[in-house]
Amino acid sequence: MNKLTALFLLATGLSFHASAQQLVTKDTTFKAEGNPIIRYKYTADPAALVYKDKVYLYAGHDEAPTKVAGYRMYNWTCFSSSDMVNWTEHPTPLSAKDFEWAKGDAWAGQVIERDGKFYWYVAVEHGAIHGKSIGVAVADRPEGPYKDALGKALVTNDMTTNVTKISWDDIDPTVFIDDDGQAWLIWGNTGCYYAKLKKNMIELDGPIKTFAGLPHYTEAPWIHKHNGWYYLSYAYEFPEKTAYAMSRSIQGPWEYKGILNEIAGNSNTNHQAIIDFKGKTYFIYHNGALTPDAGSFHRSVCIDYIYYNKDNTMKRVVMTSEGVPAAK
């Protein structure tokens, strides 16, 4: 921990979560002082939901001991804000152990609301079927607590072996509900999978397919919509940049448009969420800038603006230390 972080912790009365699987039990408020926005713990793989004039930020919790190589992630975190600067961390909403059929790893996921329920799609290691899998949890409030909605995995590794034989391709789920009410699940490493979801949000409604037209696709898909265009952003190559493609249909064809964000700090991974909030478009990502030797297994969430060109393509993200001011 560097001097700046230590002074921040002293001033706020917060403590650094050094022990594995330490859970938050009550609301904690803090003010973001630039990027990274959360400085008392490591957070990674952000996703965000705008709901009733608030942004809910969901992230994994990097808990690897200092200088340990490898991910140690046991639970997910939830933060909320009305202005993107003043934040509340809520009690730990979900842990990998909440899926009794899984054996660990609280990897990336996303929360989406439908009919007053909140569904959290996450990647975990399956306990009986070799490889990563996708589970879904449900809650009555965006901040949780969440519980397993299905009692089993929604997607398992043996369902996608026709595309790749690796055991970690079923990760990084994201969900998009289109204007016609159809919900889509998108996920994958090395191959970008997609499938329809039934209205109950816990069953696939048709075959698993793959998107084409995404050069150097690695992982971390995210779909958003602007001016009638669909945008599919994703982690590109390794170490990861963020690239994106555009389409007039969520099923493609996708036209590759280029790099959106460069390698973020000293992190090998790059994982984004893109949201509109109070008239601005935000690019939420992680880097390894919280401490000098943070590295790829001690990541931290950051927020910057993203802008569109006149032709609806997106300008390259400018990563800043200052972050964003309070939204009005």
C-alpha atoms as a PDB file:
ATOM      1  CA  MET A   1       0.000   0.000   0.000  1.00  0.00           C
ATOM      2  CA  ASN A   2       1.432   3.421  -0.922  1.00  0.00           C
ATOM      3  CA  LYS A   3       1.339   6.591   1.147  1.00  0.00           C
ATOM      4  CA  LEU A   4      -1.623   8.069  -0.739  1.00  0.00           C
ATOM      5  CA  THR A   5      -3.723   4.966  -0.111  1.00  0.00           C
ATOM      6  CA  ALA A   6      -2.731   4.859   3.562  1.00  0.00           C
ATOM      7  CA  LEU A   7      -3.711   8.514   4.037  1.00  0.00           C
ATOM      8  CA  PHE A   8      -7.039   7.872   2.293  1.00  0.00           C
ATOM      9  CA  LEU A   9      -7.798   4.960   4.595  1.00  0.00           C
ATOM     10  CA  LEU A  10      -6.848   6.973   7.667  1.00  0.00           C
ATOM     11  CA  ALA A  11      -9.047   9.895   6.616  1.00  0.00           C
ATOM     12  CA  THR A  12     -12.104   7.774   5.844  1.00  0.00           C
ATOM     13  CA  GLY A  13     -11.761   5.289   8.682  1.00  0.00           C
ATOM     14  CA  LEU A  14     -11.799   2.384   6.222  1.00  0.00           C
ATOM     15  CA  SER A  15      -9.481  -0.594   6.327  1.00  0.00           C
ATOM     16  CA  PHE A  16      -7.878  -2.527   3.504  1.00  0.00           C
ATOM     17  CA  HIS A  17      -9.438  -5.975   3.042  1.00  0.00           C
ATOM     18  CA  ALA A  18      -6.350  -8.130   3.269  1.00  0.00           C
ATOM     19  CA  SER A  19      -7.903 -11.405   4.356  1.00  0.00           C
ATOM     20  CA  ALA A  20      -9.558 -13.728   1.869  1.00  0.00           C
ATOM     21  CA  GLN A  21     -13.345 -13.844   1.699  1.00  0.00           C
ATOM     22  CA  GLN A  22     -13.847 -10.885   4.007  1.00  0.00           C
ATOM     23  CA  LEU A  23     -17.454  -9.794   3.584  1.00  0.00           C
ATOM     24  CA  VAL A  24     -18.957  -6.321   3.928  1.00  0.00           C
ATOM     25  CA  THR A  25     -21.817  -6.301   6.440  1.00  0.00           C
ATOM     26  CA  LYS A  26     -23.105  -2.696   6.372  1.00  0.00           C
ATOM     27  CA  ASP A  27     -23.348   0.278   4.028  1.00  0.00           C
ATOM     28  CA  THR A  28     -20.164   2.334   3.750  1.00  0.00           C
ATOM     29  CA  THR A  29     -20.031   5.734   2.058  1.00  0.00           C
ATOM     30  CA  PHE A  30     -17.028   7.356   0.394  1.00  0.00           C
ATOM     31  CA  LYS A  31     -16.167   9.996  -2.183  1.00  0.00           C
ATOM     32  CA  ALA A  32     -14.178   9.112  -5.286  1.00  0.00           C
ATOM     33  CA  GLU A  33     -11.024  11.201  -5.585  1.00  0.00           C
ATOM     34  CA  GLY A  34     -10.255  10.589  -9.248  1.00  0.00           C
ATOM     35  CA  ASN A  35      -9.221   7.240 -10.708  1.00  0.00           C
ATOM     36  CA  PRO A  36      -9.254   4.555  -9.408  1.00  0.00           C
ATOM     37  CA  ILE A  37     -12.552   5.418  -7.754  1.00  0.00           C
ATOM     38  CA  ILE A  38     -12.317   2.773  -4.982  1.00  0.00           C
ATOM     39  CA  ARG A  39      -9.038   2.923  -3.072  1.00  0.00           C
ATOM     40  CA  TYR A  40      -9.538   0.747  -0.014  1.00  0.00           C
ATOM     41  CA  LYS A  41      -9.927  -2.584  -1.835  1.00  0.00           C
ATOM     42  CA  TYR A  42      -9.160  -4.073  -5.223  1.00  0.00           C
ATOM     43  CA  THR A  43     -12.103  -4.247  -7.641  1.00  0.00           C
ATOM     44  CA  ALA A  44     -12.220  -5.668 -11.159  1.00  0.00           C
ATOM     45  CA  ASP A  45     -14.415  -6.585 -14.145  1.00  0.00           C
ATOM     46  CA  PRO A  46     -16.974  -3.796 -13.674  1.00  0.00           C
ATOM     47  CA  ALA A  47     -20.573  -3.900 -14.855  1.00  0.00           C
ATOM     48  CA  ALA A  48     -23.146  -1.189 -14.252  1.00  0.00           C
ATOM     49  CA  LEU A  49     -26.913  -0.754 -14.126  1.00  0.00           C
ATOM     50  CA  VAL A  50     -28.835   2.526 -14.248  1.00  0.00           C
ATOM     51  CA  TYR A  51     -31.991   2.210 -12.172  1.00  0.00           C
ATOM     52  CA  LYS A  52     -34.224   4.937 -10.701  1.00  0.00           C
ATOM     53  CA  ASP A  53     -31.713   7.792 -11.036  1.00  0.00           C
ATOM     54  CA  LYS A  54     -28.852   5.790  -9.568  1.00  0.00           C
ATOM     55  CA  VAL A  55     -25.919   3.903 -10.993  1.00  0.00           C
ATOM     56  CA  TYR A  56     -25.294   0.490  -9.475  1.00  0.00           C
ATOM     57  CA  LEU A  57     -21.734  -0.669  -9.992  1.00  0.00           C
ATOM     58  CA  TYR A  58     -20.963  -4.378  -9.701  1.00  0.00           C
ATOM     59  CA  ALA A  59     -17.413  -5.682  -9.585  1.00  0.00           C
ATOM     60  CA  GLY A  60     -15.357  -8.684  -8.658  1.00  0.00           C
ATOM     61  CA  HIS A  61     -13.086  -8.485  -5.622  1.00  0.00           C
ATOM     62  CA  ASP A  62      -9.399  -9.241  -6.186  1.00  0.00           C
ATOM     63  CA  GLU A  63      -8.061 -10.726  -2.960  1.00  0.00           C
ATOM     64  CA  ALA A  64      -4.745 -12.311  -3.943  1.00  0.00           C
ATOM     65  CA  PRO A  65      -2.012 -11.653  -1.359  1.00  0.00           C
ATOM     66  CA  THR A  66       0.652  -9.178  -2.398  1.00  0.00           C
ATOM     67  CA  LYS A  67       2.884 -10.416  -5.257  1.00  0.00           C
ATOM     68  CA  VAL A  68       0.892 -13.626  -5.627  1.00  0.00           C
ATOM     69  CA  ALA A  69       0.368 -14.538  -9.285  1.00  0.00           C
ATOM     70  CA  GLY A  70      -3.131 -15.774  -9.952  1.00  0.00           C
ATOM     71  CA  TYR A  71      -6.682 -14.685  -9.333  1.00  0.00           C
ATOM     72  CA  ARG A  72      -8.140 -15.024  -5.839  1.00  0.00           C
ATOM     73  CA  MET A  73     -11.781 -13.980  -6.167  1.00  0.00           C
ATOM     74  CA  TYR A  74     -14.433 -15.267  -3.773  1.00  0.00           C
ATOM     75  CA  ASN A  75     -17.258 -12.727  -3.855  1.00  0.00           C
ATOM     76  CA  TRP A  76     -18.715  -9.825  -5.782  1.00  0.00           C
ATOM     77  CA  THR A  77     -19.246  -6.239  -4.677  1.00  0.00           C
ATOM     78  CA  CYS A  78     -22.007  -3.674  -5.193  1.00  0.00           C
ATOM     79  CA  PHE A  79     -21.743   0.120  -5.051  1.00  0.00           C
ATOM     80  CA  SER A  80     -24.328   2.804  -5.846  1.00  0.00           C
ATOM     81  CA  SER A  81     -24.186   6.501  -6.628  1.00  0.00           C
ATOM     82  CA  SER A  82     -26.484   9.329  -7.670  1.00  0.00           C
ATOM     83  CA  ASP A  83     -23.671  11.394  -9.168  1.00  0.00           C
ATOM     84  CA  MET A  84     -20.744   9.045 -10.023  1.00  0.00           C
ATOM     85  CA  VAL A  85     -18.567  10.634  -7.317  1.00  0.00           C
ATOM     86  CA  ASN A  86     -20.278  10.018  -3.973  1.00  0.00           C
ATOM     87  CA  TRP A  87     -20.651   6.281  -3.520  1.00  0.00           C
ATOM     88  CA  THR A  88     -22.103   3.751  -1.103  1.00  0.00           C
ATOM     89  CA  GLU A  89     -20.730   0.238  -0.839  1.00  0.00           C
ATOM     90  CA  HIS A  90     -23.502  -2.168   0.102  1.00  0.00           C
ATOM     91  CA  PRO A  91     -23.173  -5.407   2.075  1.00  0.00           C
ATOM     92  CA  THR A  92     -21.644  -8.245   0.054  1.00  0.00           C
ATOM     93  CA  PRO A  93     -24.494  -9.216  -2.298  1.00  0.00           C
ATOM     94  CA  LEU A  94     -23.245 -12.528  -3.681  1.00  0.00           C
ATOM     95  CA  SER A  95     -20.416 -15.029  -3.230  1.00  0.00           C
ATOM     96  CA  ALA A  96     -19.239 -17.970  -5.299  1.00  0.00           C
ATOM     97  CA  LYS A  97     -20.207 -20.285  -2.427  1.00  0.00           C
ATOM     98  CA  ASP A  98     -23.856 -19.216  -2.872  1.00  0.00           C
ATOM     99  CA  PHE A  99     -23.943 -21.528  -5.890  1.00  0.00           C
ATOM    100  CA  GLU A 100     -23.906 -24.954  -4.230  1.00  0.00           C
ATOM    101  CA  TRP A 101     -23.114 -26.687  -7.539  1.00  0.00           C
ATOM    102  CA  ALA A 102     -19.971 -24.562  -8.043  1.00  0.00           C
ATOM    103  CA  LYS A 103     -16.575 -24.918  -6.415  1.00  0.00           C
ATOM    104  CA  GLY A 104     -15.222 -21.399  -6.610  1.00  0.00           C
ATOM    105  CA  ASP A 105     -14.098 -18.322  -8.523  1.00  0.00           C
ATOM    106  CA  ALA A 106     -16.210 -15.159  -8.472  1.00  0.00           C
ATOM    107  CA  TRP A 107     -15.436 -14.018 -12.002  1.00  0.00           C
ATOM    108  CA  ALA A 108     -17.048 -11.323 -14.121  1.00  0.00           C
ATOM    109  CA  GLY A 109     -20.791 -10.875 -14.477  1.00  0.00           C
ATOM    110  CA  GLN A 110     -23.593  -8.386 -15.030  1.00  0.00           C
ATOM    111  CA  VAL A 111     -26.893  -7.427 -13.383  1.00  0.00           C
ATOM    112  CA  ILE A 112     -30.017  -6.549 -15.365  1.00  0.00           C
ATOM    113  CA  GLU A 113     -33.561  -5.709 -14.259  1.00  0.00           C
ATOM    114  CA  ARG A 114     -36.743  -7.269 -15.610  1.00  0.00           C
ATOM    115  CA  ASP A 115     -40.282  -6.960 -14.223  1.00  0.00           C
ATOM    116  CA  GLY A 116     -39.043  -5.718 -10.868  1.00  0.00           C
ATOM    117  CA  LYS A 117     -36.514  -8.520 -10.379  1.00  0.00           C
ATOM    118  CA  PHE A 118     -32.745  -8.234 -10.698  1.00  0.00           C
ATOM    119  CA  TYR A 119     -30.786 -11.000 -12.384  1.00  0.00           C
ATOM    120  CA  TRP A 120     -27.027 -11.409 -11.953  1.00  0.00           C
ATOM    121  CA  TYR A 121     -25.225 -13.560 -14.516  1.00  0.00           C
ATOM    122  CA  VAL A 122     -21.766 -14.631 -13.342  1.00  0.00           C
ATOM    123  CA  ALA A 123     -18.891 -16.952 -14.229  1.00  0.00           C
ATOM    124  CA  VAL A 124     -17.877 -19.624 -11.708  1.00  0.00           C
ATOM    125  CA  GLU A 125     -15.961 -22.890 -11.750  1.00  0.00           C
ATOM    126  CA  HIS A 126     -18.357 -25.832 -11.932  1.00  0.00           C
ATOM    127  CA  GLY A 127     -18.112 -28.460  -9.218  1.00  0.00           C
ATOM    128  CA  ALA A 128     -18.901 -31.512 -11.351  1.00  0.00           C
ATOM    129  CA  ILE A 129     -18.492 -30.515 -15.011  1.00  0.00           C
ATOM    130  CA  HIS A 130     -14.942 -29.570 -15.962  1.00  0.00           C
ATOM    131  CA  GLY A 131     -14.442 -25.881 -16.713  1.00  0.00           C
ATOM    132  CA  LYS A 132     -16.037 -22.523 -16.195  1.00  0.00           C
ATOM    133  CA  SER A 133     -19.786 -22.123 -16.247  1.00  0.00           C
ATOM    134  CA  ILE A 134     -22.406 -19.408 -16.077  1.00  0.00           C
ATOM    135  CA  GLY A 135     -24.801 -19.144 -13.167  1.00  0.00           C
ATOM    136  CA  VAL A 136     -27.656 -16.728 -12.547  1.00  0.00           C
ATOM    137  CA  ALA A 137     -28.753 -15.243  -9.233  1.00  0.00           C
ATOM    138  CA  VAL A 138     -31.841 -13.169  -8.477  1.00  0.00           C
ATOM    139  CA  ALA A 139     -32.815 -10.438  -6.006  1.00  0.00           C
ATOM    140  CA  ASP A 140     -35.699  -8.103  -5.251  1.00  0.00           C
ATOM    141  CA  ARG A 141     -33.415  -5.066  -5.016  1.00  0.00           C
ATOM    142  CA  PRO A 142     -30.462  -4.000  -7.156  1.00  0.00           C
ATOM    143  CA  GLU A 143     -28.126  -4.126  -4.155  1.00  0.00           C
ATOM    144  CA  GLY A 144     -29.297  -7.604  -3.185  1.00  0.00           C
ATOM    145  CA  PRO A 145     -28.874  -9.907  -1.403  1.00  0.00           C
ATOM    146  CA  TYR A 146     -28.895 -12.345  -4.333  1.00  0.00           C
ATOM    147  CA  LYS A 147     -29.592 -16.067  -4.328  1.00  0.00           C
ATOM    148  CA  ASP A 148     -29.148 -18.800  -6.914  1.00  0.00           C
ATOM    149  CA  ALA A 149     -32.141 -18.510  -9.248  1.00  0.00           C
ATOM    150  CA  LEU A 150     -31.808 -21.870 -10.987  1.00  0.00           C
ATOM    151  CA  GLY A 151     -30.103 -24.333  -8.650  1.00  0.00           C
ATOM    152  CA  LYS A 152     -27.778 -25.357 -11.466  1.00  0.00           C
ATOM    153  CA  ALA A 153     -25.637 -23.752 -14.140  1.00  0.00           C
ATOM    154  CA  LEU A 154     -27.288 -21.983 -17.050  1.00  0.00           C
ATOM    155  CA  VAL A 155     -24.317 -22.715 -19.337  1.00  0.00           C
ATOM    156  CA  THR A 156     -21.620 -25.364 -18.847  1.00  0.00           C
ATOM    157  CA  ASN A 157     -18.372 -26.002 -20.691  1.00  0.00           C
ATOM    158  CA  ASP A 158     -19.643 -29.123 -22.422  1.00  0.00           C
ATOM    159  CA  MET A 159     -22.272 -27.022 -24.223  1.00  0.00           C
ATOM    160  CA  THR A 160     -19.689 -25.073 -26.277  1.00  0.00           C
ATOM    161  CA  THR A 161     -17.015 -27.602 -27.224  1.00  0.00           C
ATOM    162  CA  ASN A 162     -17.880 -27.260 -30.924  1.00  0.00           C
ATOM    163  CA  VAL A 163     -16.173 -23.850 -30.980  1.00  0.00           C
ATOM    164  CA  THR A 164     -13.153 -24.342 -28.725  1.00  0.00           C
ATOM    165  CA  LYS A 165     -11.813 -27.080 -26.472  1.00  0.00           C
ATOM    166  CA  ILE A 166     -10.525 -24.762 -23.746  1.00  0.00           C
ATOM    167  CA  SER A 167     -12.149 -25.025 -20.325  1.00  0.00           C
ATOM    168  CA  TRP A 168     -12.438 -21.287 -19.652  1.00  0.00           C
ATOM    169  CA  ASP A 169     -14.467 -20.122 -22.658  1.00  0.00           C
ATOM    170  CA  ASP A 170     -17.783 -19.861 -20.777  1.00  0.00           C
ATOM    171  CA  ILE A 171     -17.026 -16.647 -18.896  1.00  0.00           C
ATOM    172  CA  ASP A 172     -17.866 -12.934 -18.895  1.00  0.00           C
ATOM    173  CA  PRO A 173     -21.643 -13.081 -19.360  1.00  0.00           C
ATOM    174  CA  THR A 174     -23.474  -9.910 -20.351  1.00  0.00           C
ATOM    175  CA  VAL A 175     -27.182  -9.492 -21.009  1.00  0.00           C
ATOM    176  CA  PHE A 176     -29.041  -7.049 -23.241  1.00  0.00           C
ATOM    177  CA  ILE A 177     -32.817  -6.606 -23.440  1.00  0.00           C
ATOM    178  CA  ASP A 178     -33.740  -5.236 -26.852  1.00  0.00           C
ATOM    179  CA  ASP A 179     -36.506  -2.768 -27.655  1.00  0.00           C
ATOM    180  CA  ASP A 180     -38.829  -5.632 -28.596  1.00  0.00           C
ATOM    181  CA  GLY A 181     -38.429  -7.187 -25.150  1.00  0.00           C
ATOM    182  CA  GLN A 182     -36.189 -10.035 -26.266  1.00  0.00           C
ATOM    183  CA  ALA A 183     -33.350 -10.720 -23.828  1.00  0.00           C
ATOM    184  CA  TRP A 184     -29.991 -11.924 -25.120  1.00  0.00           C
ATOM    185  CA  LEU A 185     -27.135 -13.591 -23.254  1.00  0.00           C
ATOM    186  CA  ILE A 186     -23.666 -12.909 -24.696  1.00  0.00           C
ATOM    187  CA  TRP A 187     -20.440 -14.395 -23.309  1.00  0.00           C
ATOM    188  CA  GLY A 188     -17.194 -16.191 -24.089  1.00  0.00           C
ATOM    189  CA  ASN A 189     -13.414 -16.343 -24.281  1.00  0.00           C
ATOM    190  CA  THR A 190     -11.807 -16.778 -27.752  1.00  0.00           C
ATOM    191  CA  GLY A 191     -15.300 -17.252 -29.173  1.00  0.00           C
ATOM    192  CA  CYS A 192     -18.151 -14.779 -28.638  1.00  0.00           C
ATOM    193  CA  TYR A 193     -21.311 -16.775 -27.952  1.00  0.00           C
ATOM    194  CA  TYR A 194     -24.879 -15.548 -27.881  1.00  0.00           C
ATOM    195  CA  ALA A 195     -28.318 -17.017 -27.254  1.00  0.00           C
ATOM    196  CA  LYS A 196     -31.854 -15.880 -26.618  1.00  0.00           C
ATOM    197  CA  LEU A 197     -33.198 -15.985 -23.077  1.00  0.00           C
ATOM    198  CA  LYS A 198     -36.757 -16.864 -22.188  1.00  0.00           C
ATOM    199  CA  LYS A 199     -38.785 -14.153 -20.492  1.00  0.00           C
ATOM    200  CA  ASN A 200     -38.177 -15.839 -17.147  1.00  0.00           C
ATOM    201  CA  MET A 201     -34.470 -14.906 -17.649  1.00  0.00           C
ATOM    202  CA  ILE A 202     -33.198 -18.255 -16.342  1.00  0.00           C
ATOM    203  CA  GLU A 203     -33.524 -20.480 -19.421  1.00  0.00           C
ATOM    204  CA  LEU A 204     -32.021 -20.365 -22.885  1.00  0.00           C
ATOM    205  CA  ASP A 205     -34.583 -20.033 -25.676  1.00  0.00           C
ATOM    206  CA  GLY A 206     -32.870 -21.615 -28.648  1.00  0.00           C
ATOM    207  CA  PRO A 207     -29.415 -22.665 -29.827  1.00  0.00           C
ATOM    208  CA  ILE A 208     -26.078 -21.158 -28.835  1.00  0.00           C
ATOM    209  CA  LYS A 209     -24.545 -19.269 -31.761  1.00  0.00           C
ATOM    210  CA  THR A 210     -21.344 -17.276 -32.298  1.00  0.00           C
ATOM    211  CA  PHE A 211     -20.757 -13.764 -33.574  1.00  0.00           C
ATOM    212  CA  ALA A 212     -18.466 -13.216 -36.564  1.00  0.00           C
ATOM    213  CA  GLY A 213     -16.624 -10.056 -37.564  1.00  0.00           C
ATOM    214  CA  LEU A 214     -14.773  -9.516 -34.278  1.00  0.00           C
ATOM    215  CA  PRO A 215     -11.041  -9.657 -35.050  1.00  0.00           C
ATOM    216  CA  HIS A 216      -8.737 -10.656 -32.191  1.00  0.00           C
ATOM    217  CA  TYR A 217     -11.710 -11.228 -29.895  1.00  0.00           C
ATOM    218  CA  THR A 218     -10.526 -12.404 -26.479  1.00  0.00           C
ATOM    219  CA  GLU A 219     -13.314 -11.916 -23.900  1.00  0.00           C
ATOM    220  CA  ALA A 220     -15.386  -9.306 -21.989  1.00  0.00           C
ATOM    221  CA  PRO A 221     -18.258  -8.571 -24.405  1.00  0.00           C
ATOM    222  CA  TRP A 222     -20.616  -5.668 -23.688  1.00  0.00           C
ATOM    223  CA  ILE A 223     -23.522  -4.514 -25.866  1.00  0.00           C
ATOM    224  CA  HIS A 224     -25.156  -1.103 -25.801  1.00  0.00           C
ATOM    225  CA  LYS A 225     -27.321   0.872 -28.227  1.00  0.00           C
ATOM    226  CA  HIS A 226     -27.143   4.469 -29.508  1.00  0.00           C
ATOM    227  CA  ASN A 227     -29.073   6.220 -32.300  1.00  0.00           C
ATOM    228  CA  GLY A 228     -30.332   2.938 -33.696  1.00  0.00           C
ATOM    229  CA  TRP A 229     -26.884   1.310 -33.743  1.00  0.00           C
ATOM    230  CA  TYR A 230     -25.768  -1.693 -31.701  1.00  0.00           C
ATOM    231  CA  TYR A 231     -22.238  -1.540 -30.305  1.00  0.00           C
ATOM    232  CA  LEU A 232     -20.346  -4.650 -29.262  1.00  0.00           C
ATOM    233  CA  SER A 233     -17.198  -3.806 -27.306  1.00  0.00           C
ATOM    234  CA  TYR A 234     -14.772  -6.496 -26.201  1.00  0.00           C
ATOM    235  CA  ALA A 235     -11.279  -7.277 -24.945  1.00  0.00           C
ATOM    236  CA  TYR A 236      -8.863  -7.424 -27.886  1.00  0.00           C
ATOM    237  CA  GLU A 237      -5.662  -9.550 -27.929  1.00  0.00           C
ATOM    238  CA  PHE A 238      -3.562 -10.149 -24.809  1.00  0.00           C
ATOM    239  CA  PRO A 239      -2.462  -8.043 -22.987  1.00  0.00           C
ATOM    240  CA  GLU A 240      -5.906  -6.665 -23.649  1.00  0.00           C
ATOM    241  CA  LYS A 241      -7.026  -3.477 -25.304  1.00  0.00           C
ATOM    242  CA  THR A 242     -10.741  -2.775 -25.837  1.00  0.00           C
ATOM    243  CA  ALA A 243     -12.086  -2.798 -29.393  1.00  0.00           C
ATOM    244  CA  TYR A 244     -15.598  -2.493 -30.802  1.00  0.00           C
ATOM    245  CA  ALA A 245     -17.852  -3.294 -33.726  1.00  0.00           C
ATOM    246  CA  MET A 246     -21.196  -1.859 -34.898  1.00  0.00           C
ATOM    247  CA  SER A 247     -24.323  -3.342 -36.420  1.00  0.00           C
ATOM    248  CA  ARG A 248     -27.934  -2.492 -37.253  1.00  0.00           C
ATOM    249  CA  SER A 249     -28.989  -5.824 -35.726  1.00  0.00           C
ATOM    250  CA  ILE A 250     -28.015  -7.461 -32.467  1.00  0.00           C
ATOM    251  CA  GLN A 251     -27.351 -10.659 -34.415  1.00  0.00           C
ATOM    252  CA  GLY A 252     -25.031  -8.880 -36.828  1.00  0.00           C
ATOM    253  CA  PRO A 253     -23.401  -8.726 -39.233  1.00  0.00           C
ATOM    254  CA  TRP A 254     -20.884  -6.810 -37.155  1.00  0.00           C
ATOM    255  CA  GLU A 255     -18.490  -4.304 -38.717  1.00  0.00           C
ATOM    256  CA  TYR A 256     -15.233  -3.865 -36.845  1.00  0.00           C
ATOM    257  CA  LYS A 257     -14.477  -0.208 -36.042  1.00  0.00           C
ATOM    258  CA  GLY A 258     -11.167  -0.285 -34.190  1.00  0.00           C
ATOM    259  CA  ILE A 259      -9.549   0.180 -30.798  1.00  0.00           C
ATOM    260  CA  LEU A 260     -11.622   1.937 -28.159  1.00  0.00           C
ATOM    261  CA  ASN A 261      -9.282   1.785 -25.163  1.00  0.00           C
ATOM    262  CA  GLU A 262      -5.574   1.066 -24.897  1.00  0.00           C
ATOM    263  CA  ILE A 263      -3.931  -1.318 -22.411  1.00  0.00           C
ATOM    264  CA  ALA A 264      -5.047  -0.044 -19.003  1.00  0.00           C
ATOM    265  CA  GLY A 265      -2.173   0.606 -16.632  1.00  0.00           C
ATOM    266  CA  ASN A 266      -0.180  -2.462 -15.598  1.00  0.00           C
ATOM    267  CA  SER A 267      -3.140  -4.828 -15.988  1.00  0.00           C
ATOM    268  CA  ASN A 268      -3.079  -7.579 -18.607  1.00  0.00           C
ATOM    269  CA  THR A 269      -6.884  -7.576 -18.713  1.00  0.00           C
ATOM    270  CA  ASN A 270      -9.277  -4.869 -19.839  1.00  0.00           C
ATOM    271  CA  HIS A 271     -12.961  -5.147 -18.970  1.00  0.00           C
ATOM    272  CA  GLN A 272     -15.544  -2.461 -19.708  1.00  0.00           C
ATOM    273  CA  ALA A 273     -19.109  -1.344 -19.133  1.00  0.00           C
ATOM    274  CA  ILE A 274     -20.698   1.494 -21.116  1.00  0.00           C
ATOM    275  CA  ILE A 275     -23.741   3.335 -19.758  1.00  0.00           C
ATOM    276  CA  ASP A 276     -25.698   6.556 -20.283  1.00  0.00           C
ATOM    277  CA  PHE A 277     -26.448   8.557 -17.142  1.00  0.00           C
ATOM    278  CA  LYS A 278     -27.776  12.100 -16.769  1.00  0.00           C
ATOM    279  CA  GLY A 279     -26.898  13.109 -20.321  1.00  0.00           C
ATOM    280  CA  LYS A 280     -23.360  11.667 -20.403  1.00  0.00           C
ATOM    281  CA  THR A 281     -21.920   8.381 -21.646  1.00  0.00           C
ATOM    282  CA  TYR A 282     -19.523   6.680 -19.245  1.00  0.00           C
ATOM    283  CA  PHE A 283     -16.779   4.142 -19.882  1.00  0.00           C
ATOM    284  CA  ILE A 284     -16.194   2.055 -16.753  1.00  0.00           C
ATOM    285  CA  TYR A 285     -13.089  -0.159 -16.714  1.00  0.00           C
ATOM    286  CA  HIS A 286     -10.278  -1.394 -14.495  1.00  0.00           C
ATOM    287  CA  ASN A 287      -6.531  -0.843 -14.378  1.00  0.00           C
ATOM    288  CA  GLY A 288      -3.645  -1.747 -12.074  1.00  0.00           C
ATOM    289  CA  ALA A 289      -2.941   1.764 -10.816  1.00  0.00           C
ATOM    290  CA  LEU A 290      -3.970   1.627  -7.158  1.00  0.00           C
ATOM    291  CA  THR A 291      -0.457   0.749  -6.007  1.00  0.00           C
ATOM    292  CA  PRO A 292       2.818   0.715  -7.985  1.00  0.00           C
ATOM    293  CA  ASP A 293       3.094  -3.077  -7.972  1.00  0.00           C
ATOM    294  CA  ALA A 294      -0.647  -3.830  -8.156  1.00  0.00           C
ATOM    295  CA  GLY A 295      -0.339  -5.854 -11.335  1.00  0.00           C
ATOM    296  CA  SER A 296      -2.886  -7.981 -13.139  1.00  0.00           C
ATOM    297  CA  PHE A 297      -4.292  -9.665 -10.034  1.00  0.00           C
ATOM    298  CA  HIS A 298      -4.848  -6.480  -8.014  1.00  0.00           C
ATOM    299  CA  ARG A 299      -7.057  -4.359 -10.240  1.00  0.00           C
ATOM    300  CA  SER A 300      -9.101  -1.232  -9.601  1.00  0.00           C
ATOM    301  CA  VAL A 301     -12.216   0.254 -11.205  1.00  0.00           C
ATOM    302  CA  CYS A 302     -11.982   3.585 -13.028  1.00  0.00           C
ATOM    303  CA  ILE A 303     -14.510   5.822 -14.815  1.00  0.00           C
ATOM    304  CA  ASP A 304     -14.042   8.192 -17.756  1.00  0.00           C
ATOM    305  CA  TYR A 305     -16.284   9.711 -20.412  1.00  0.00           C
ATOM    306  CA  ILE A 306     -16.802   8.299 -23.879  1.00  0.00           C
ATOM    307  CA  TYR A 307     -17.896  10.367 -26.888  1.00  0.00           C
ATOM    308  CA  TYR A 308     -19.443   9.732 -30.300  1.00  0.00           C
ATOM    309  CA  ASN A 309     -18.429  11.089 -33.678  1.00  0.00           C
ATOM    310  CA  LYS A 310     -20.999  12.589 -36.071  1.00  0.00           C
ATOM    311  CA  ASP A 311     -21.191   9.272 -37.944  1.00  0.00           C
ATOM    312  CA  ASN A 312     -22.063   7.454 -34.679  1.00  0.00           C
ATOM    313  CA  THR A 313     -18.663   5.785 -34.365  1.00  0.00           C
ATOM    314  CA  MET A 314     -17.023   6.194 -30.971  1.00  0.00           C
ATOM    315  CA  LYS A 315     -13.982   8.272 -30.146  1.00  0.00           C
ATOM    316  CA  ARG A 316     -11.090   6.530 -28.453  1.00  0.00           C
ATOM    317  CA  VAL A 317     -11.313   6.690 -24.664  1.00  0.00           C
ATOM    318  CA  VAL A 318      -8.980   9.083 -22.898  1.00  0.00           C
ATOM    319  CA  MET A 319      -8.007   7.453 -19.604  1.00  0.00           C
ATOM    320  CA  THR A 320      -7.480  10.068 -16.913  1.00  0.00           C
ATOM    321  CA  SER A 321      -6.228  10.290 -13.350  1.00  0.00           C
ATOM    322  CA  GLU A 322      -8.870  12.919 -12.569  1.00  0.00           C
ATOM    323  CA  GLY A 323     -11.849  10.753 -13.509  1.00  0.00           C
ATOM    324  CA  VAL A 324     -15.243  12.381 -13.929  1.00  0.00           C
ATOM    325  CA  PRO A 325     -16.892  15.234 -11.995  1.00  0.00           C
ATOM    326  CA  ALA A 326     -20.210  14.846 -10.226  1.00  0.00           C
ATOM    327  CA  ALA A 327     -23.137  14.322 -12.597  1.00  0.00           C
ATOM    328  CA  LYS A 328     -25.917  16.856 -12.261  1.00  0.00           C
END
